Amino acid sequence: MSELLRIENLSAGYGEAVVLHDISLALGQGQTLALLGRNGTGKTTLINTLAGATRQHGGTITLGGVALHKLSPHQRAAAGIGWVPQERNIFKSLTVHENLTAVERPGKWNPQRVYEMFPRLSERKGNLGTQLSGGEQQMLAVGRALVVNPTLLLLDEPLEGLAPIIVEELLRAIRRITRDEGLAAIVVEQHPQAILAISDEAVVLDHGTVVHADHASTLGAQPEVLERLLGVKR
């Protein structure tokens, strides 16, 4: 399997505040990485840094041979980054369909494929972003990231605060996107069990550094390690 993403000795944060310290990791083509850790350990900062939304103090980020750390957020999207931030960042004054077509790039993912995956959005394609439920907004945020046709999808707590039925629907979609479609992804999630089940690799952050890295299946089968690192039980 060829390498897609390589992060070496990365330090980054906000302004002069350094949150990430000497992060190094790699991800192969088509692989999914579960990015885990307690609150405030740097998970969102790492996702934001890959998307170009923080200040990088040191290190390198390479995506498909491209020096990502030298690019602006807009250029990173063109280079293959699809980003679903915690805030979702949909255009609330535009319709569902306008949200999708406004950012669409040529490739296999288009609005019609998004509607097939999320029938709720097809039913609401003429609704404004403000008229959607939280779960529908999250589906739209994922759809917007897909129609950019990325090589790496970044999902920052995509299941947070959603009803169980919506969580299941989104998990099925993430599984399809990664497992069936072969799109590489990094998924941040507070509750690891569901994400570990559909991931290849896992990394745990603490105080802005990598404190544990393993195959996702191996970590998922070690409840005592999960409890020690994350304070959760399987």
Foldseek 3Di string as FASTA:
>chain_A
DAWFKWWAQWWWAADPDTQAGGATDTDHQLFEEEEEFAPSQCPLVVLCVLLQNTGTDDTFMAGRNRGSNVDHNVVSLLVFEQEQHPVLPFQQAAFLQCSQVVQADDDDQGVVVLCVLPVVCVVRRRPGNVPDDPLVSLSSSVSNSCRSVGQEYEAEASPPPDDPVSSVSVLVVVLCVRVVVSRYYYYYHLDLLSVLVSGQKYFYGGSNYTPDIDGSVVVNVDQVVCCVGRVDGD
